[in-house]
Amino acid sequence: MSRNSEEPVFNQIEQIRTAQGLSRQELADLVGVHYQTIGYLERGEYSPSLVLALRIAKALKREVAELFSLTEQKKGKK
């Protein structure tokens, strides 16, 4: 594995956020980041720091493992 290559991190942020009726801006405000950061995370363009992952999990009232995975989750799955 090259030094710049990272294993992809998959997430369920968008599915859980929208199910809770939160906008990207609202979630961003809860975790203290710019709303575009939430978009980057949801699209898999950015992997969060551990601290940010924990803040997102707390804001969405979920465990980190429910939000983030090293394997892609099937659509429609919680």
PDB file of N, CA and C in Angstrom:
ATOM      1  N   MET A   1       0.859  -1.177   0.000  1.00  0.00           N
ATOM      2  CA  MET A   1       0.000   0.000   0.000  1.00  0.00           C
ATOM      3  C   MET A   1       0.894   1.226   0.000  1.00  0.00           C
ATOM      4  N   SER A   2       0.604   2.169  -0.873  1.00  0.00           N
ATOM      5  CA  SER A   2       1.421   3.367  -0.927  1.00  0.00           C
ATOM      6  C   SER A   2       1.140   4.275   0.256  1.00  0.00           C
ATOM      7  N   ARG A   3       2.049   5.169   0.506  1.00  0.00           N
ATOM      8  CA  ARG A   3       1.945   6.061   1.659  1.00  0.00           C
ATOM      9  C   ARG A   3       0.712   6.957   1.588  1.00  0.00           C
ATOM     10  N   ASN A   4       0.311   7.390   0.389  1.00  0.00           N
ATOM     11  CA  ASN A   4      -0.825   8.298   0.226  1.00  0.00           C
ATOM     12  C   ASN A   4      -2.156   7.586   0.049  1.00  0.00           C
ATOM     13  N   SER A   5      -2.116   6.286  -0.067  1.00  0.00           N
ATOM     14  CA  SER A   5      -3.344   5.529  -0.284  1.00  0.00           C
ATOM     15  C   SER A   5      -4.003   5.196   1.057  1.00  0.00           C
ATOM     16  N   GLU A   6      -5.272   5.528   1.148  1.00  0.00           N
ATOM     17  CA  GLU A   6      -6.028   5.200   2.361  1.00  0.00           C
ATOM     18  C   GLU A   6      -7.135   4.226   2.022  1.00  0.00           C
ATOM     19  N   GLU A   7      -7.437   3.365   2.968  1.00  0.00           N
ATOM     20  CA  GLU A   7      -8.569   2.472   2.816  1.00  0.00           C
ATOM     21  C   GLU A   7      -9.840   3.312   2.897  1.00  0.00           C
ATOM     22  N   PRO A   8     -10.804   3.111   2.009  1.00  0.00           N
ATOM     23  CA  PRO A   8     -12.018   3.938   2.058  1.00  0.00           C
ATOM     24  C   PRO A   8     -12.829   3.675   3.320  1.00  0.00           C
ATOM     25  N   VAL A   9     -13.453   4.725   3.814  1.00  0.00           N
ATOM     26  CA  VAL A   9     -14.353   4.637   4.957  1.00  0.00           C
ATOM     27  C   VAL A   9     -15.753   4.932   4.440  1.00  0.00           C
ATOM     28  N   PHE A  10     -16.645   3.978   4.600  1.00  0.00           N
ATOM     29  CA  PHE A  10     -18.024   4.142   4.162  1.00  0.00           C
ATOM     30  C   PHE A  10     -18.855   4.629   5.337  1.00  0.00           C
ATOM     31  N   ASN A  11     -19.939   5.330   5.048  1.00  0.00           N
ATOM     32  CA  ASN A  11     -20.753   5.842   6.148  1.00  0.00           C
ATOM     33  C   ASN A  11     -22.235   5.856   5.811  1.00  0.00           C
ATOM     34  N   GLN A  12     -23.018   5.974   6.861  1.00  0.00           N
ATOM     35  CA  GLN A  12     -24.479   6.032   6.769  1.00  0.00           C
ATOM     36  C   GLN A  12     -24.994   7.402   7.233  1.00  0.00           C
ATOM     37  N   ILE A  13     -24.125   8.407   7.208  1.00  0.00           N
ATOM     38  CA  ILE A  13     -24.506   9.715   7.746  1.00  0.00           C
ATOM     39  C   ILE A  13     -25.745  10.271   7.054  1.00  0.00           C
ATOM     40  N   GLU A  14     -25.739  10.299   5.727  1.00  0.00           N
ATOM     41  CA  GLU A  14     -26.861  10.903   5.007  1.00  0.00           C
ATOM     42  C   GLU A  14     -28.182  10.194   5.298  1.00  0.00           C
ATOM     43  N   GLN A  15     -28.168   8.874   5.283  1.00  0.00           N
ATOM     44  CA  GLN A  15     -29.396   8.120   5.524  1.00  0.00           C
ATOM     45  C   GLN A  15     -29.946   8.400   6.920  1.00  0.00           C
ATOM     46  N   ILE A  16     -29.085   8.385   7.907  1.00  0.00           N
ATOM     47  CA  ILE A  16     -29.533   8.597   9.283  1.00  0.00           C
ATOM     48  C   ILE A  16     -29.922  10.052   9.511  1.00  0.00           C
ATOM     49  N   ARG A  17     -29.132  10.963   8.966  1.00  0.00           N
ATOM     50  CA  ARG A  17     -29.434  12.397   9.101  1.00  0.00           C
ATOM     51  C   ARG A  17     -30.803  12.733   8.506  1.00  0.00           C
ATOM     52  N   THR A  18     -31.051  12.262   7.288  1.00  0.00           N
ATOM     53  CA  THR A  18     -32.330  12.580   6.650  1.00  0.00           C
ATOM     54  C   THR A  18     -33.501  11.884   7.343  1.00  0.00           C
ATOM     55  N   ALA A  19     -33.277  10.669   7.843  1.00  0.00           N
ATOM     56  CA  ALA A  19     -34.332   9.968   8.578  1.00  0.00           C
ATOM     57  C   ALA A  19     -34.720  10.734   9.843  1.00  0.00           C
ATOM     58  N   GLN A  20     -33.773  11.476  10.403  1.00  0.00           N
ATOM     59  CA  GLN A  20     -34.041  12.271  11.600  1.00  0.00           C
ATOM     60  C   GLN A  20     -34.532  13.679  11.260  1.00  0.00           C
ATOM     61  N   GLY A  21     -34.656  13.967   9.972  1.00  0.00           N
ATOM     62  CA  GLY A  21     -35.169  15.270   9.555  1.00  0.00           C
ATOM     63  C   GLY A  21     -34.187  16.416   9.713  1.00  0.00           C
ATOM     64  N   LEU A  22     -32.902  16.100   9.719  1.00  0.00           N
ATOM     65  CA  LEU A  22     -31.877  17.133   9.864  1.00  0.00           C
ATOM     66  C   LEU A  22     -31.297  17.516   8.506  1.00  0.00           C
ATOM     67  N   SER A  23     -31.051  18.798   8.321  1.00  0.00           N
ATOM     68  CA  SER A  23     -30.345  19.246   7.124  1.00  0.00           C
ATOM     69  C   SER A  23     -28.846  19.113   7.367  1.00  0.00           C
ATOM     70  N   ARG A  24     -28.067  19.246   6.303  1.00  0.00           N
ATOM     71  CA  ARG A  24     -26.613  19.236   6.468  1.00  0.00           C
ATOM     72  C   ARG A  24     -26.176  20.377   7.377  1.00  0.00           C
ATOM     73  N   GLN A  25     -26.799  21.531   7.201  1.00  0.00           N
ATOM     74  CA  GLN A  25     -26.449  22.692   8.015  1.00  0.00           C
ATOM     75  C   GLN A  25     -26.730  22.439   9.492  1.00  0.00           C
ATOM     76  N   GLU A  26     -27.869  21.836   9.784  1.00  0.00           N
ATOM     77  CA  GLU A  26     -28.219  21.556  11.181  1.00  0.00           C
ATOM     78  C   GLU A  26     -27.224  20.586  11.819  1.00  0.00           C
ATOM     79  N   LEU A  27     -26.868  19.528  11.087  1.00  0.00           N
ATOM     80  CA  LEU A  27     -25.888  18.581  11.620  1.00  0.00           C
ATOM     81  C   LEU A  27     -24.535  19.258  11.781  1.00  0.00           C
ATOM     82  N   ALA A  28     -24.154  20.047  10.802  1.00  0.00           N
ATOM     83  CA  ALA A  28     -22.880  20.769  10.887  1.00  0.00           C
ATOM     84  C   ALA A  28     -22.842  21.666  12.115  1.00  0.00           C
ATOM     85  N   ASP A  29     -23.935  22.369  12.380  1.00  0.00           N
ATOM     86  CA  ASP A  29     -24.006  23.236  13.561  1.00  0.00           C
ATOM     87  C   ASP A  29     -23.864  22.426  14.848  1.00  0.00           C
ATOM     88  N   LEU A  30     -24.471  21.251  14.888  1.00  0.00           N
ATOM     89  CA  LEU A  30     -24.398  20.405  16.080  1.00  0.00           C
ATOM     90  C   LEU A  30     -22.982  19.912  16.362  1.00  0.00           C
ATOM     91  N   VAL A  31     -22.219  19.651  15.297  1.00  0.00           N
ATOM     92  CA  VAL A  31     -20.880  19.089  15.487  1.00  0.00           C
ATOM     93  C   VAL A  31     -19.763  20.120  15.348  1.00  0.00           C
ATOM     94  N   GLY A  32     -20.107  21.348  14.953  1.00  0.00           N
ATOM     95  CA  GLY A  32     -19.116  22.412  14.893  1.00  0.00           C
ATOM     96  C   GLY A  32     -18.239  22.425  13.660  1.00  0.00           C
ATOM     97  N   VAL A  33     -18.831  22.073  12.502  1.00  0.00           N
ATOM     98  CA  VAL A  33     -18.092  22.128  11.238  1.00  0.00           C
ATOM     99  C   VAL A  33     -18.919  22.887  10.203  1.00  0.00           C
ATOM    100  N   HIS A  34     -18.322  23.176   9.062  1.00  0.00           N
ATOM    101  CA  HIS A  34     -19.017  23.819   7.947  1.00  0.00           C
ATOM    102  C   HIS A  34     -19.934  22.789   7.298  1.00  0.00           C
ATOM    103  N   TYR A  35     -21.074  23.234   6.784  1.00  0.00           N
ATOM    104  CA  TYR A  35     -22.021  22.285   6.172  1.00  0.00           C
ATOM    105  C   TYR A  35     -21.404  21.532   5.003  1.00  0.00           C
ATOM    106  N   GLN A  36     -20.437  22.141   4.310  1.00  0.00           N
ATOM    107  CA  GLN A  36     -19.803  21.448   3.188  1.00  0.00           C
ATOM    108  C   GLN A  36     -19.000  20.240   3.671  1.00  0.00           C
ATOM    109  N   THR A  37     -18.484  20.303   4.878  1.00  0.00           N
ATOM    110  CA  THR A  37     -17.754  19.161   5.440  1.00  0.00           C
ATOM    111  C   THR A  37     -18.675  17.954   5.548  1.00  0.00           C
ATOM    112  N   ILE A  38     -19.918  18.193   5.961  1.00  0.00           N
ATOM    113  CA  ILE A  38     -20.883  17.091   6.048  1.00  0.00           C
ATOM    114  C   ILE A  38     -21.108  16.497   4.665  1.00  0.00           C
ATOM    115  N   GLY A  39     -21.223  17.336   3.654  1.00  0.00           N
ATOM    116  CA  GLY A  39     -21.377  16.855   2.277  1.00  0.00           C
ATOM    117  C   GLY A  39     -20.191  16.018   1.826  1.00  0.00           C
ATOM    118  N   TYR A  40     -18.981  16.488   2.114  1.00  0.00           N
ATOM    119  CA  TYR A  40     -17.779  15.732   1.749  1.00  0.00           C
ATOM    120  C   TYR A  40     -17.777  14.360   2.421  1.00  0.00           C
ATOM    121  N   LEU A  41     -18.153  14.330   3.687  1.00  0.00           N
ATOM    122  CA  LEU A  41     -18.214  13.068   4.417  1.00  0.00           C
ATOM    123  C   LEU A  41     -19.250  12.133   3.810  1.00  0.00           C
ATOM    124  N   GLU A  42     -20.447  12.666   3.559  1.00  0.00           N
ATOM    125  CA  GLU A  42     -21.527  11.829   3.023  1.00  0.00           C
ATOM    126  C   GLU A  42     -21.171  11.240   1.664  1.00  0.00           C
ATOM    127  N   ARG A  43     -20.438  11.973   0.857  1.00  0.00           N
ATOM    128  CA  ARG A  43     -20.039  11.482  -0.472  1.00  0.00           C
ATOM    129  C   ARG A  43     -18.788  10.616  -0.427  1.00  0.00           C
ATOM    130  N   GLY A  44     -18.196  10.465   0.746  1.00  0.00           N
ATOM    131  CA  GLY A  44     -16.997   9.655   0.870  1.00  0.00           C
ATOM    132  C   GLY A  44     -15.744  10.334   0.348  1.00  0.00           C
ATOM    133  N   GLU A  45     -15.782  11.658   0.207  1.00  0.00           N
ATOM    134  CA  GLU A  45     -14.629  12.404  -0.286  1.00  0.00           C
ATOM    135  C   GLU A  45     -13.652  12.752   0.830  1.00  0.00           C
ATOM    136  N   TYR A  46     -14.040  12.492   2.048  1.00  0.00           N
ATOM    137  CA  TYR A  46     -13.249  12.866   3.212  1.00  0.00           C
ATOM    138  C   TYR A  46     -13.533  11.871   4.324  1.00  0.00           C
ATOM    139  N   SER A  47     -12.487  11.443   5.010  1.00  0.00           N
ATOM    140  CA  SER A  47     -12.660  10.572   6.174  1.00  0.00           C
ATOM    141  C   SER A  47     -12.518  11.423   7.427  1.00  0.00           C
ATOM    142  N   PRO A  48     -13.433  11.287   8.360  1.00  0.00           N
ATOM    143  CA  PRO A  48     -13.393  12.142   9.543  1.00  0.00           C
ATOM    144  C   PRO A  48     -12.303  11.732  10.525  1.00  0.00           C
ATOM    145  N   SER A  49     -11.872  12.702  11.309  1.00  0.00           N
ATOM    146  CA  SER A  49     -10.990  12.380  12.440  1.00  0.00           C
ATOM    147  C   SER A  49     -11.818  11.586  13.443  1.00  0.00           C
ATOM    148  N   LEU A  50     -11.159  10.967  14.373  1.00  0.00           N
ATOM    149  CA  LEU A  50     -11.873  10.226  15.416  1.00  0.00           C
ATOM    150  C   LEU A  50     -12.776  11.166  16.208  1.00  0.00           C
ATOM    151  N   VAL A  51     -12.263  12.341  16.542  1.00  0.00           N
ATOM    152  CA  VAL A  51     -13.062  13.303  17.309  1.00  0.00           C
ATOM    153  C   VAL A  51     -14.319  13.698  16.536  1.00  0.00           C
ATOM    154  N   LEU A  52     -14.181  13.976  15.243  1.00  0.00           N
ATOM    155  CA  LEU A  52     -15.347  14.354  14.448  1.00  0.00           C
ATOM    156  C   LEU A  52     -16.330  13.187  14.329  1.00  0.00           C
ATOM    157  N   ALA A  53     -15.831  11.977  14.138  1.00  0.00           N
ATOM    158  CA  ALA A  53     -16.705  10.801  14.063  1.00  0.00           C
ATOM    159  C   ALA A  53     -17.499  10.648  15.360  1.00  0.00           C
ATOM    160  N   LEU A  54     -16.841  10.864  16.494  1.00  0.00           N
ATOM    161  CA  LEU A  54     -17.528  10.769  17.784  1.00  0.00           C
ATOM    162  C   LEU A  54     -18.566  11.874  17.950  1.00  0.00           C
ATOM    163  N   ARG A  55     -18.258  13.076  17.497  1.00  0.00           N
ATOM    164  CA  ARG A  55     -19.222  14.179  17.580  1.00  0.00           C
ATOM    165  C   ARG A  55     -20.445  13.914  16.711  1.00  0.00           C
ATOM    166  N   ILE A  56     -20.215  13.394  15.516  1.00  0.00           N
ATOM    167  CA  ILE A  56     -21.331  13.080  14.617  1.00  0.00           C
ATOM    168  C   ILE A  56     -22.198  11.991  15.239  1.00  0.00           C
ATOM    169  N   ALA A  57     -21.577  10.955  15.763  1.00  0.00           N
ATOM    170  CA  ALA A  57     -22.326   9.872  16.398  1.00  0.00           C
ATOM    171  C   ALA A  57     -23.167  10.402  17.560  1.00  0.00           C
ATOM    172  N   LYS A  58     -22.590  11.260  18.366  1.00  0.00           N
ATOM    173  CA  LYS A  58     -23.324  11.840  19.497  1.00  0.00           C
ATOM    174  C   LYS A  58     -24.495  12.680  19.004  1.00  0.00           C
ATOM    175  N   ALA A  59     -24.267  13.505  17.989  1.00  0.00           N
ATOM    176  CA  ALA A  59     -25.330  14.366  17.460  1.00  0.00           C
ATOM    177  C   ALA A  59     -26.478  13.556  16.874  1.00  0.00           C
ATOM    178  N   LEU A  60     -26.151  12.430  16.251  1.00  0.00           N
ATOM    179  CA  LEU A  60     -27.180  11.583  15.632  1.00  0.00           C
ATOM    180  C   LEU A  60     -27.695  10.502  16.584  1.00  0.00           C
ATOM    181  N   LYS A  61     -27.171  10.506  17.819  1.00  0.00           N
ATOM    182  CA  LYS A  61     -27.586   9.534  18.843  1.00  0.00           C
ATOM    183  C   LYS A  61     -27.407   8.095  18.357  1.00  0.00           C
ATOM    184  N   ARG A  62     -26.230   7.849  17.799  1.00  0.00           N
ATOM    185  CA  ARG A  62     -25.868   6.523  17.296  1.00  0.00           C
ATOM    186  C   ARG A  62     -24.474   6.168  17.763  1.00  0.00           C
ATOM    187  N   GLU A  63     -24.139   4.906  17.659  1.00  0.00           N
ATOM    188  CA  GLU A  63     -22.780   4.455  17.919  1.00  0.00           C
ATOM    189  C   GLU A  63     -21.944   4.703  16.664  1.00  0.00           C
ATOM    190  N   VAL A  64     -20.663   4.946  16.849  1.00  0.00           N
ATOM    191  CA  VAL A  64     -19.776   5.197  15.713  1.00  0.00           C
ATOM    192  C   VAL A  64     -19.852   4.049  14.705  1.00  0.00           C
ATOM    193  N   ALA A  65     -19.894   2.820  15.198  1.00  0.00           N
ATOM    194  CA  ALA A  65     -19.942   1.652  14.309  1.00  0.00           C
ATOM    195  C   ALA A  65     -21.226   1.580  13.487  1.00  0.00           C
ATOM    196  N   GLU A  66     -22.285   2.250  13.917  1.00  0.00           N
ATOM    197  CA  GLU A  66     -23.514   2.305  13.126  1.00  0.00           C
ATOM    198  C   GLU A  66     -23.377   3.290  11.971  1.00  0.00           C
ATOM    199  N   LEU A  67     -22.477   4.238  12.108  1.00  0.00           N
ATOM    200  CA  LEU A  67     -22.296   5.284  11.098  1.00  0.00           C
ATOM    201  C   LEU A  67     -21.175   5.000  10.117  1.00  0.00           C
ATOM    202  N   PHE A  68     -20.083   4.411  10.589  1.00  0.00           N
ATOM    203  CA  PHE A  68     -18.884   4.244   9.776  1.00  0.00           C
ATOM    204  C   PHE A  68     -18.477   2.789   9.681  1.00  0.00           C
ATOM    205  N   SER A  69     -17.961   2.414   8.495  1.00  0.00           N
ATOM    206  CA  SER A  69     -17.558   1.039   8.266  1.00  0.00           C
ATOM    207  C   SER A  69     -16.456   1.000   7.206  1.00  0.00           C
ATOM    208  N   LEU A  70     -15.668  -0.041   7.231  1.00  0.00           N
ATOM    209  CA  LEU A  70     -14.669  -0.260   6.186  1.00  0.00           C
ATOM    210  C   LEU A  70     -15.240  -1.064   5.034  1.00  0.00           C
ATOM    211  N   THR A  71     -16.482  -1.539   5.177  1.00  0.00           N
ATOM    212  CA  THR A  71     -17.172  -2.227   4.093  1.00  0.00           C
ATOM    213  C   THR A  71     -18.434  -1.462   3.739  1.00  0.00           C
ATOM    214  N   GLU A  72     -18.757  -1.453   2.464  1.00  0.00           N
ATOM    215  CA  GLU A  72     -19.926  -0.719   2.004  1.00  0.00           C
ATOM    216  C   GLU A  72     -21.205  -1.411   2.441  1.00  0.00           C
ATOM    217  N   GLN A  73     -22.131  -0.626   2.971  1.00  0.00           N
ATOM    218  CA  GLN A  73     -23.420  -1.141   3.422  1.00  0.00           C
ATOM    219  C   GLN A  73     -24.397  -1.126   2.250  1.00  0.00           C
ATOM    220  N   LYS A  74     -25.292  -2.099   2.212  1.00  0.00           N
ATOM    221  CA  LYS A  74     -26.310  -2.123   1.175  1.00  0.00           C
ATOM    222  C   LYS A  74     -27.322  -1.017   1.429  1.00  0.00           C
ATOM    223  N   LYS A  75     -27.827  -0.437   0.363  1.00  0.00           N
ATOM    224  CA  LYS A  75     -28.821   0.638   0.470  1.00  0.00           C
ATOM    225  C   LYS A  75     -30.076   0.105   1.138  1.00  0.00           C
ATOM    226  N   GLY A  76     -30.681   0.981   1.935  1.00  0.00           N
ATOM    227  CA  GLY A  76     -31.905   0.625   2.628  1.00  0.00           C
ATOM    228  C   GLY A  76     -31.682  -0.058   3.955  1.00  0.00           C
ATOM    229  N   LYS A  77     -30.423  -0.392   4.237  1.00  0.00           N
ATOM    230  CA  LYS A  77     -30.097  -1.038   5.508  1.00  0.00           C
ATOM    231  C   LYS A  77     -29.815   0.032   6.539  1.00  0.00           C
ATOM    232  N   LYS A  78     -30.231  -0.184   7.749  1.00  0.00           N
ATOM    233  CA  LYS A  78     -30.043   0.775   8.836  1.00  0.00           C
ATOM    234  C   LYS A  78     -28.626   1.068   9.163  1.00  0.00           C
TER     235      LYS A  78
END
